[in-house]
N, C-alpha and C. Protein backbone atom coordinates (compact mmCIF):
# COMPACT_ATOMS: atom_id res chain seq x y z
N MET A 1 5.87 99.67 -38.89
CA MET A 1 5.51 98.32 -39.15
C MET A 1 6.30 98.41 -40.77
N GLY A 2 5.84 97.01 -40.81
CA GLY A 2 6.98 96.63 -42.21
C GLY A 2 5.51 95.78 -43.12
N SER A 3 5.11 96.97 -43.46
CA SER A 3 4.09 96.92 -45.05
C SER A 3 4.78 97.85 -45.64
N SER A 4 4.39 97.15 -47.29
CA SER A 4 4.83 98.22 -48.47
C SER A 4 4.05 99.27 -48.67
N ALA A 5 4.18 100.01 -49.38
CA ALA A 5 3.50 101.32 -49.54
C ALA A 5 2.23 100.83 -50.02
N ALA A 6 1.94 99.92 -50.77
CA ALA A 6 0.80 99.70 -51.30
C ALA A 6 -0.26 98.96 -50.42
N CYS A 7 0.30 97.97 -49.66
CA CYS A 7 -0.41 97.66 -48.25
C CYS A 7 -1.23 98.48 -47.64
N TRP A 8 0.03 99.51 -47.33
CA TRP A 8 -0.32 100.44 -46.35
C TRP A 8 -1.54 101.29 -47.13
N ALA A 9 -1.46 101.86 -47.96
CA ALA A 9 -2.59 102.37 -48.68
C ALA A 9 -3.65 101.78 -48.63
N LEU A 10 -3.89 100.23 -48.93
CA LEU A 10 -4.95 99.31 -49.06
C LEU A 10 -5.67 99.92 -47.09
N TYR A 11 -4.85 99.79 -46.08
CA TYR A 11 -5.00 100.09 -44.98
C TYR A 11 -5.83 101.28 -44.22
N GLY A 12 -4.93 102.26 -45.07
CA GLY A 12 -5.71 103.46 -45.11
C GLY A 12 -7.16 103.75 -45.76
N ALA A 13 -7.22 103.17 -46.82
CA ALA A 13 -8.72 103.06 -47.36
C ALA A 13 -9.73 102.42 -46.53
N LEU A 14 -9.35 101.56 -45.92
CA LEU A 14 -10.04 100.62 -45.10
C LEU A 14 -10.29 101.54 -43.64
N LEU A 15 -9.53 101.98 -43.24
CA LEU A 15 -9.50 102.86 -42.07
C LEU A 15 -10.53 103.85 -42.53
N ALA A 16 -10.34 104.66 -43.39
CA ALA A 16 -11.44 105.88 -44.05
C ALA A 16 -12.72 105.25 -43.85
N ARG A 17 -12.81 103.62 -44.72
CA ARG A 17 -14.54 103.52 -44.97
C ARG A 17 -14.47 103.31 -43.12
N GLU A 18 -14.03 102.58 -42.47
CA GLU A 18 -14.40 102.58 -41.10
C GLU A 18 -14.89 103.52 -40.22
N TYR A 19 -14.01 104.93 -40.48
CA TYR A 19 -14.19 105.83 -39.87
C TYR A 19 -15.44 106.68 -40.77
N GLY A 20 -15.68 106.59 -41.77
CA GLY A 20 -16.60 107.71 -42.67
C GLY A 20 -17.60 106.91 -42.76
N GLU A 21 -17.68 105.66 -44.07
CA GLU A 21 -19.04 105.11 -44.41
C GLU A 21 -19.69 104.45 -43.29
N LEU A 22 -18.80 103.48 -42.50
CA LEU A 22 -19.32 102.67 -41.48
C LEU A 22 -19.51 103.39 -39.97
N GLY A 23 -19.12 104.45 -39.89
CA GLY A 23 -19.48 105.02 -38.44
C GLY A 23 -18.63 104.22 -37.43
N TYR A 24 -17.54 104.18 -37.48
CA TYR A 24 -16.62 103.55 -36.60
C TYR A 24 -17.12 102.18 -35.55
N PRO A 25 -16.99 101.61 -36.54
CA PRO A 25 -17.72 99.88 -36.13
C PRO A 25 -17.06 99.27 -34.75
N GLU A 26 -17.87 98.62 -34.42
CA GLU A 26 -17.57 97.92 -33.12
C GLU A 26 -16.10 97.29 -33.30
N CYS A 27 -16.04 96.65 -34.51
CA CYS A 27 -15.03 95.94 -34.67
C CYS A 27 -13.35 96.54 -35.51
N HIS A 28 -13.59 97.73 -34.86
CA HIS A 28 -12.46 98.39 -35.37
C HIS A 28 -11.20 97.97 -34.62
N ARG A 29 -11.46 97.68 -33.49
CA ARG A 29 -9.92 97.50 -32.69
C ARG A 29 -9.44 96.22 -33.23
N LEU A 30 -10.30 95.53 -33.57
CA LEU A 30 -9.88 94.12 -34.61
C LEU A 30 -9.24 94.48 -35.96
N THR A 31 -9.89 95.62 -36.20
CA THR A 31 -8.92 95.75 -37.65
C THR A 31 -7.55 96.33 -37.48
N VAL A 32 -7.31 97.25 -36.75
CA VAL A 32 -6.07 97.59 -35.83
C VAL A 32 -5.25 96.82 -35.70
N ASP A 33 -5.58 95.93 -34.82
CA ASP A 33 -4.85 94.56 -34.11
C ASP A 33 -4.17 93.48 -35.12
N ALA A 34 -5.17 93.52 -36.05
CA ALA A 34 -5.09 92.21 -36.88
C ALA A 34 -3.96 92.75 -37.95
N TYR A 35 -4.31 94.27 -38.61
CA TYR A 35 -3.50 94.58 -39.25
C TYR A 35 -1.98 94.60 -38.88
N ALA A 36 -1.39 95.21 -37.55
CA ALA A 36 -0.49 95.43 -37.11
C ALA A 36 0.18 94.08 -36.62
N VAL A 37 -0.54 93.43 -36.23
CA VAL A 37 0.34 91.87 -36.10
C VAL A 37 0.78 90.78 -37.47
N GLN A 38 0.08 91.33 -38.53
CA GLN A 38 0.36 91.25 -40.01
C GLN A 38 1.78 91.76 -40.65
N HIS A 39 1.90 92.68 -40.08
CA HIS A 39 3.24 93.67 -40.76
C HIS A 39 3.92 93.84 -39.32
N PRO A 40 4.80 92.97 -38.99
CA PRO A 40 5.21 92.91 -37.60
C PRO A 40 6.59 93.96 -37.67
N GLY A 41 7.25 94.03 -38.99
CA GLY A 41 8.24 94.86 -39.02
C GLY A 41 9.65 93.96 -38.35
N ARG A 42 10.57 94.99 -38.22
CA ARG A 42 11.66 94.40 -37.91
C ARG A 42 12.07 94.67 -36.59
N ARG A 43 13.02 93.33 -35.78
CA ARG A 43 13.26 93.33 -34.60
C ARG A 43 13.83 94.56 -33.71
N GLU A 44 13.19 95.22 -33.59
CA GLU A 44 13.35 96.77 -32.97
C GLU A 44 12.80 97.09 -31.70
N ARG A 45 12.76 97.52 -30.63
CA ARG A 45 12.23 97.98 -29.84
C ARG A 45 10.27 98.36 -30.22
N ARG A 46 10.39 99.27 -31.05
CA ARG A 46 9.19 99.54 -31.10
C ARG A 46 8.37 98.71 -31.55
N SER A 47 8.86 97.94 -32.48
CA SER A 47 8.04 97.22 -33.05
C SER A 47 7.93 95.66 -32.59
N ILE A 48 8.89 95.39 -31.56
CA ILE A 48 8.64 94.42 -30.51
C ILE A 48 7.14 94.58 -29.74
N GLN A 49 6.92 96.08 -29.02
CA GLN A 49 6.01 96.43 -28.18
C GLN A 49 4.96 96.60 -28.91
N SER A 50 4.77 96.99 -30.03
CA SER A 50 3.59 97.21 -31.04
C SER A 50 3.08 96.11 -31.46
N VAL A 51 3.54 94.80 -31.96
CA VAL A 51 3.12 93.53 -32.21
C VAL A 51 2.61 92.96 -30.67
N ASP A 52 3.46 92.92 -29.95
CA ASP A 52 3.03 92.40 -28.39
C ASP A 52 1.98 92.71 -28.16
N THR A 53 1.54 93.84 -27.86
CA THR A 53 0.50 94.84 -27.48
C THR A 53 -0.96 94.60 -28.21
N HIS A 54 -0.74 94.38 -29.80
CA HIS A 54 -1.65 94.07 -30.68
C HIS A 54 -2.07 93.00 -30.46
N LEU A 55 -1.26 91.87 -30.35
CA LEU A 55 -1.25 90.46 -30.23
C LEU A 55 -2.27 90.05 -28.75
N CYS A 56 -1.66 91.03 -27.94
CA CYS A 56 -2.60 90.84 -26.67
C CYS A 56 -4.13 91.31 -26.87
N GLY A 57 -4.40 92.33 -27.75
CA GLY A 57 -5.54 92.54 -27.82
C GLY A 57 -6.42 91.87 -28.88
N LEU A 58 -5.81 90.80 -29.47
CA LEU A 58 -6.40 90.09 -30.31
C LEU A 58 -6.73 88.91 -29.46
N TYR A 59 -5.83 88.46 -28.44
CA TYR A 59 -6.22 87.26 -27.23
C TYR A 59 -7.43 87.87 -26.57
N LEU A 60 -7.32 89.63 -26.22
CA LEU A 60 -8.62 89.48 -25.28
C LEU A 60 -9.89 89.58 -25.90
N MET A 61 -9.78 90.12 -27.27
CA MET A 61 -10.88 90.20 -27.86
C MET A 61 -11.45 88.74 -28.19
N LEU A 62 -10.79 87.97 -29.02
CA LEU A 62 -11.08 86.77 -29.55
C LEU A 62 -11.34 85.36 -28.74
N GLU A 63 -10.38 85.53 -27.67
CA GLU A 63 -10.56 84.52 -26.54
C GLU A 63 -11.02 84.67 -25.27
N ARG A 64 -11.02 86.03 -24.93
CA ARG A 64 -11.45 86.46 -23.88
C ARG A 64 -13.10 86.94 -23.83
N GLY A 65 -13.39 87.25 -25.19
CA GLY A 65 -14.77 87.97 -25.78
C GLY A 65 -14.78 89.24 -25.29
N ILE A 66 -13.69 90.39 -24.73
CA ILE A 66 -13.66 91.38 -24.69
C ILE A 66 -14.21 92.40 -25.56
N ASP A 67 -14.80 93.51 -25.72
CA ASP A 67 -15.19 94.33 -26.85
C ASP A 67 -14.02 95.27 -26.73
N GLY A 68 -14.07 96.05 -28.01
CA GLY A 68 -13.10 96.70 -28.51
C GLY A 68 -12.33 97.83 -27.32
N PRO A 69 -13.38 98.36 -27.13
CA PRO A 69 -13.12 99.76 -25.76
C PRO A 69 -12.74 98.93 -24.88
N GLY A 70 -13.01 98.09 -24.38
CA GLY A 70 -12.36 97.25 -23.19
C GLY A 70 -11.18 96.37 -23.41
N ALA A 71 -10.92 95.79 -24.44
CA ALA A 71 -9.88 95.76 -25.10
C ALA A 71 -8.70 96.70 -24.92
N THR A 72 -9.06 97.88 -25.58
CA THR A 72 -8.13 99.36 -25.63
C THR A 72 -7.70 99.40 -23.99
N ALA A 73 -8.77 99.31 -23.32
CA ALA A 73 -8.47 99.59 -21.85
C ALA A 73 -7.75 99.09 -21.43
N LEU A 74 -7.83 97.59 -21.13
CA LEU A 74 -6.72 96.47 -20.61
C LEU A 74 -5.68 96.26 -21.18
N LYS A 75 -5.66 96.82 -22.63
CA LYS A 75 -3.86 97.18 -23.03
C LYS A 75 -3.43 98.05 -22.41
N ASN A 76 -4.02 99.22 -22.16
CA ASN A 76 -3.45 100.50 -21.53
C ASN A 76 -2.76 99.60 -19.82
N ARG A 77 -3.81 99.21 -19.47
CA ARG A 77 -3.28 98.82 -18.02
C ARG A 77 -2.61 97.66 -18.21
N ILE A 78 -2.24 96.79 -19.14
CA ILE A 78 -1.26 95.91 -19.46
C ILE A 78 0.15 96.81 -19.33
N LEU A 79 0.41 97.21 -20.42
CA LEU A 79 1.47 98.42 -20.80
C LEU A 79 1.86 99.17 -19.75
N ALA A 80 1.00 99.55 -18.84
CA ALA A 80 1.65 100.11 -17.63
C ALA A 80 2.30 98.88 -16.47
N THR A 81 1.95 98.08 -16.96
CA THR A 81 2.59 97.17 -15.52
C THR A 81 4.27 97.01 -16.32
N GLY A 82 4.70 97.23 -17.48
CA GLY A 82 5.51 97.20 -17.87
C GLY A 82 5.95 95.52 -18.11
N PRO A 83 5.29 95.21 -18.80
CA PRO A 83 5.67 93.74 -19.26
C PRO A 83 6.78 93.60 -19.53
N ARG A 84 7.56 92.41 -19.98
CA ARG A 84 8.69 92.02 -20.34
C ARG A 84 8.64 91.61 -21.49
N PHE A 85 8.16 91.81 -22.68
CA PHE A 85 7.88 91.94 -23.81
C PHE A 85 9.05 91.60 -24.55
N ARG A 86 9.15 90.61 -25.71
CA ARG A 86 10.15 90.18 -26.51
C ARG A 86 9.80 89.86 -28.04
N TRP A 87 10.77 89.62 -28.63
CA TRP A 87 10.48 89.37 -30.42
C TRP A 87 10.05 88.01 -30.25
N LEU A 88 8.62 87.84 -31.25
CA LEU A 88 8.59 86.95 -31.04
C LEU A 88 8.42 86.67 -32.83
N ASN A 89 9.38 85.59 -33.40
CA ASN A 89 9.65 85.50 -34.57
C ASN A 89 8.08 85.07 -35.09
N PRO A 90 7.86 86.04 -36.45
CA PRO A 90 6.25 85.86 -36.99
C PRO A 90 6.40 84.95 -37.54
N PRO A 91 4.90 84.13 -37.55
CA PRO A 91 4.92 83.03 -38.54
C PRO A 91 4.49 83.50 -39.58
N ALA A 92 4.50 82.60 -41.06
CA ALA A 92 4.10 82.60 -41.90
C ALA A 92 2.42 82.73 -42.09
N THR A 93 1.96 84.19 -42.63
CA THR A 93 1.25 84.42 -42.77
C THR A 93 -0.01 83.96 -44.19
N SER A 94 0.75 83.24 -44.99
CA SER A 94 0.07 83.07 -46.37
C SER A 94 -1.04 82.70 -46.20
N GLU A 95 -1.73 81.71 -45.25
CA GLU A 95 -2.78 81.52 -45.05
C GLU A 95 -4.21 82.02 -44.71
N ALA A 96 -3.46 83.22 -43.52
CA ALA A 96 -4.14 84.52 -43.11
C ALA A 96 -5.03 84.92 -44.35
N LEU A 97 -6.00 85.62 -44.47
CA LEU A 97 -6.95 86.56 -44.83
C LEU A 97 -6.00 88.05 -44.60
N THR A 98 -6.27 88.76 -45.49
CA THR A 98 -5.75 90.28 -45.37
C THR A 98 -6.64 91.11 -45.38
N VAL A 99 -6.05 92.64 -45.38
CA VAL A 99 -6.73 93.99 -45.48
C VAL A 99 -7.43 93.97 -47.02
N LEU A 100 -6.81 93.16 -48.23
CA LEU A 100 -7.80 92.89 -49.47
C LEU A 100 -9.23 92.62 -49.25
N ASP A 101 -8.87 91.13 -48.69
CA ASP A 101 -10.31 90.46 -48.45
C ASP A 101 -11.35 91.93 -47.68
N VAL A 102 -10.72 92.10 -46.69
CA VAL A 102 -11.87 93.25 -46.08
C VAL A 102 -12.43 93.98 -47.08
N LEU A 103 -11.48 94.80 -47.66
CA LEU A 103 -11.59 95.55 -49.00
C LEU A 103 -12.75 95.08 -49.71
N HIS A 104 -12.45 93.96 -50.58
CA HIS A 104 -13.31 93.77 -51.74
C HIS A 104 -14.57 92.94 -50.79
N ARG A 105 -15.32 93.36 -49.73
CA ARG A 105 -16.25 93.20 -49.72
C ARG A 105 -17.40 94.48 -49.81
N ASP A 106 -18.31 94.26 -50.30
CA ASP A 106 -18.97 95.47 -50.60
C ASP A 106 -20.24 95.49 -49.44
N ASP A 107 -20.83 94.54 -49.06
CA ASP A 107 -21.83 94.50 -47.91
C ASP A 107 -21.46 95.12 -46.31
N ASN A 108 -21.83 96.43 -46.58
CA ASN A 108 -21.23 96.74 -45.42
C ASN A 108 -21.72 96.06 -43.76
N GLU A 109 -22.80 95.68 -44.25
CA GLU A 109 -23.28 94.94 -42.84
C GLU A 109 -22.76 93.92 -42.58
N GLN A 110 -21.95 93.18 -43.72
CA GLN A 110 -21.20 92.13 -43.22
C GLN A 110 -19.87 92.46 -42.86
N HIS A 111 -19.47 93.47 -42.80
CA HIS A 111 -18.13 94.07 -42.66
C HIS A 111 -17.11 93.56 -41.16
N CYS A 112 -18.09 93.64 -40.17
CA CYS A 112 -17.42 92.89 -38.78
C CYS A 112 -17.26 91.74 -39.02
N ASP A 113 -18.22 90.85 -39.63
CA ASP A 113 -17.99 89.10 -39.70
C ASP A 113 -16.62 88.89 -40.62
N VAL A 114 -16.58 89.95 -41.32
CA VAL A 114 -15.34 89.31 -42.15
C VAL A 114 -13.97 89.77 -41.52
N VAL A 115 -14.33 91.14 -40.78
CA VAL A 115 -12.86 91.26 -40.16
C VAL A 115 -12.84 90.42 -38.66
N GLU A 116 -13.87 89.99 -38.40
CA GLU A 116 -13.64 89.01 -37.24
C GLU A 116 -12.84 88.05 -37.97
N ARG A 117 -13.36 87.44 -39.08
CA ARG A 117 -12.49 86.40 -39.79
C ARG A 117 -11.41 86.29 -39.93
N TRP A 118 -10.86 87.81 -40.40
CA TRP A 118 -9.52 88.06 -40.56
C TRP A 118 -8.79 88.09 -39.41
N ALA A 119 -9.13 88.70 -38.45
CA ALA A 119 -8.57 88.67 -37.06
C ALA A 119 -8.46 87.37 -36.53
N GLY A 120 -9.35 86.64 -36.73
CA GLY A 120 -8.93 85.25 -36.20
C GLY A 120 -8.12 84.25 -36.94
N SER A 121 -7.88 84.87 -38.41
CA SER A 121 -6.82 83.67 -39.20
C SER A 121 -5.31 84.32 -38.97
N VAL A 122 -5.26 85.45 -38.47
CA VAL A 122 -4.27 86.36 -38.07
C VAL A 122 -3.92 85.47 -36.59
N TRP A 123 -4.89 85.78 -35.90
CA TRP A 123 -4.43 84.86 -34.37
C TRP A 123 -4.26 83.76 -34.77
N ASP A 124 -4.65 82.95 -35.54
CA ASP A 124 -4.61 81.22 -35.59
C ASP A 124 -2.98 81.24 -36.03
N ALA A 125 -2.80 82.03 -37.02
CA ALA A 125 -1.49 82.08 -37.64
C ALA A 125 -0.05 81.96 -36.73
N TRP A 126 -0.44 82.70 -35.52
CA TRP A 126 0.72 83.18 -34.46
C TRP A 126 0.26 81.99 -33.28
N GLU A 127 -0.10 80.87 -33.49
CA GLU A 127 -0.62 79.98 -32.44
C GLU A 127 0.54 79.53 -31.55
N LEU A 128 1.79 79.54 -32.31
CA LEU A 128 3.00 78.83 -31.57
C LEU A 128 3.10 79.82 -30.48
N HIS A 129 2.72 81.17 -30.29
CA HIS A 129 3.13 82.16 -29.32
C HIS A 129 1.73 82.65 -28.52
N HIS A 130 0.86 81.73 -28.67
CA HIS A 130 -0.37 82.33 -27.73
C HIS A 130 -0.08 81.88 -26.80
N GLU A 131 0.42 80.68 -26.38
CA GLU A 131 0.74 80.45 -24.48
C GLU A 131 1.75 81.96 -23.89
N THR A 132 2.38 82.31 -24.58
CA THR A 132 3.67 83.55 -24.11
C THR A 132 2.58 84.79 -23.95
N VAL A 133 1.57 84.67 -24.95
CA VAL A 133 0.39 86.33 -24.96
C VAL A 133 -0.74 86.00 -23.85
N ARG A 134 -1.05 84.77 -23.44
CA ARG A 134 -1.68 84.45 -22.53
C ARG A 134 -1.28 84.54 -21.07
N ASP A 135 0.20 84.40 -21.22
CA ASP A 135 0.85 84.73 -20.04
C ASP A 135 1.16 86.23 -19.73
N TRP A 136 1.23 86.92 -20.34
CA TRP A 136 1.52 88.23 -20.73
C TRP A 136 0.54 88.94 -20.17
N VAL A 137 -0.62 88.77 -20.79
CA VAL A 137 -2.04 89.22 -20.28
C VAL A 137 -2.47 88.70 -18.78
N GLU A 138 -2.43 87.69 -19.09
CA GLU A 138 -3.10 87.15 -17.34
C GLU A 138 -2.18 87.64 -16.36
N THR A 139 -0.65 87.79 -16.74
CA THR A 139 0.06 88.24 -15.56
C THR A 139 -0.16 89.57 -15.44
N ALA A 140 0.10 90.51 -16.10
CA ALA A 140 -0.20 91.71 -16.17
C ALA A 140 -1.64 92.19 -15.28
N LEU A 141 -2.43 91.57 -15.78
CA LEU A 141 -4.01 91.41 -15.17
C LEU A 141 -4.07 91.47 -13.98
N GLN A 142 -3.19 90.06 -13.31
CA GLN A 142 -3.15 90.26 -12.11
C GLN A 142 -2.26 91.04 -10.94
N LYS A 143 -1.40 91.97 -11.70
CA LYS A 143 -1.09 92.83 -11.38
C LYS A 143 -1.86 93.93 -10.90
N VAL A 144 -2.58 94.33 -11.77
CA VAL A 144 -3.30 95.68 -11.75
C VAL A 144 -4.97 95.66 -10.79
N LYS A 145 -5.17 94.48 -10.61
CA LYS A 145 -6.24 94.19 -9.94
C LYS A 145 -6.07 94.60 -8.15
């Protein structure tokens, strides 16, 4: 991932909060996918697969309404079909929320609401590539039926 050490530390703090204090909340899948997509790294095989897979997760949860465990299972099925992922030029995400916006919330009851807004803002930033991601997911799901 292409994050700074400071940002990676913030992400680690958020994961610790979700695993511990929040008891692994339903929105955890969105946390992982939003962070990964917001930090795409360099144009190389592992980064391509990571970002494209996490974009598929955001699509499944935000547009298809699939819950976290269901999205994880479907992402694994999609990967098993060997999709032809490719580098998608990352958008400017300066308007998107960040891990810091989630960490600054003290209200644990609203945690998933903030994570959903964060994930939605990240997904929206990648709008130019939505059709590509939809095609990957829908094509892969047709293959595994």
